[in-house]
């Protein structure tokens, strides 16, 4: 298995999908290669985390009554 150069679907930057990352993906049972570069993956994760705050289900203590 050799390193692969992939193109990010968000920013079109090229990034390297290393042998060790490929082994990790295979070990976890992931079938698809990453589609986003590490920076875009981090930004997307942060955006998802920010969208989950507030509203129902966000950071509410389950022991409290309404």
Protein backbone atom coordinates (compact mmCIF):
# COMPACT_ATOMS: atom_id res chain seq x y z
CA UNK A 1 0.00 0.00 0.00
CA UNK A 2 1.45 3.38 -0.99
CA UNK A 3 0.50 6.94 -0.07
CA UNK A 4 -2.26 8.37 -2.27
CA UNK A 5 -2.76 11.98 -3.32
CA UNK A 6 -6.45 12.92 -3.14
CA UNK A 7 -8.33 16.12 -3.96
CA UNK A 8 -10.60 17.73 -1.36
CA UNK A 9 -14.20 18.05 -2.52
CA UNK A 10 -14.65 21.33 -0.59
CA UNK A 11 -11.51 23.38 -1.33
CA UNK A 12 -9.98 21.36 -4.22
CA UNK A 13 -6.63 21.21 -2.44
CA UNK A 14 -4.56 18.08 -2.84
CA UNK A 15 -3.76 16.11 0.32
CA UNK A 16 -1.95 12.89 1.07
CA UNK A 17 -3.82 9.84 2.31
CA UNK A 18 -0.89 8.08 3.98
CA UNK A 19 -0.31 4.36 4.27
CA UNK A 20 -0.95 4.50 8.02
CA UNK A 21 -4.24 6.39 7.49
CA UNK A 22 -5.28 3.80 4.90
CA UNK A 23 -4.50 1.01 7.37
CA UNK A 24 -6.53 2.80 10.07
CA UNK A 25 -9.51 3.19 7.72
CA UNK A 26 -9.30 -0.48 6.76
CA UNK A 27 -9.05 -1.55 10.43
CA UNK A 28 -12.17 0.49 11.28
CA UNK A 29 -14.07 -1.04 8.36
CA UNK A 30 -14.40 2.20 6.38
CA UNK A 31 -14.94 1.43 2.70
CA UNK A 32 -14.51 4.93 1.28
CA UNK A 33 -11.45 7.15 1.13
CA UNK A 34 -11.73 10.57 2.77
CA UNK A 35 -13.24 13.21 0.52
CA UNK A 36 -12.05 16.24 2.47
CA UNK A 37 -8.57 17.44 3.45
CA UNK A 38 -7.75 17.49 7.18
CA UNK A 39 -8.46 21.26 7.42
CA UNK A 40 -11.90 20.95 5.81
CA UNK A 41 -12.71 17.87 7.92
CA UNK A 42 -11.80 19.83 11.06
CA UNK A 43 -13.88 22.85 9.95
CA UNK A 44 -16.87 20.64 9.10
CA UNK A 45 -16.67 18.87 12.46
CA UNK A 46 -16.50 22.22 14.26
CA UNK A 47 -19.51 23.47 12.29
CA UNK A 48 -21.51 20.35 13.22
CA UNK A 49 -20.57 20.78 16.88
CA UNK A 50 -21.68 24.42 16.82
CA UNK A 51 -24.99 23.53 15.18
CA UNK A 52 -25.74 20.98 17.92
CA UNK A 53 -25.60 23.52 20.74
CA UNK A 54 -28.75 25.07 22.09
CA UNK A 55 -32.26 23.98 21.22
CA UNK A 56 -33.63 20.63 22.27
CA UNK A 57 -31.09 17.97 23.08
CA UNK A 58 -28.11 20.29 23.36
CA UNK A 59 -26.16 20.19 26.64
CA UNK A 60 -29.30 19.70 28.75
CA UNK A 61 -28.91 17.75 31.96
CA UNK A 62 -31.13 14.68 31.76
CA UNK A 63 -31.79 14.65 35.51
CA UNK A 64 -33.66 17.97 35.50
CA UNK A 65 -37.41 18.29 35.01
CA UNK A 66 -38.99 20.87 32.72
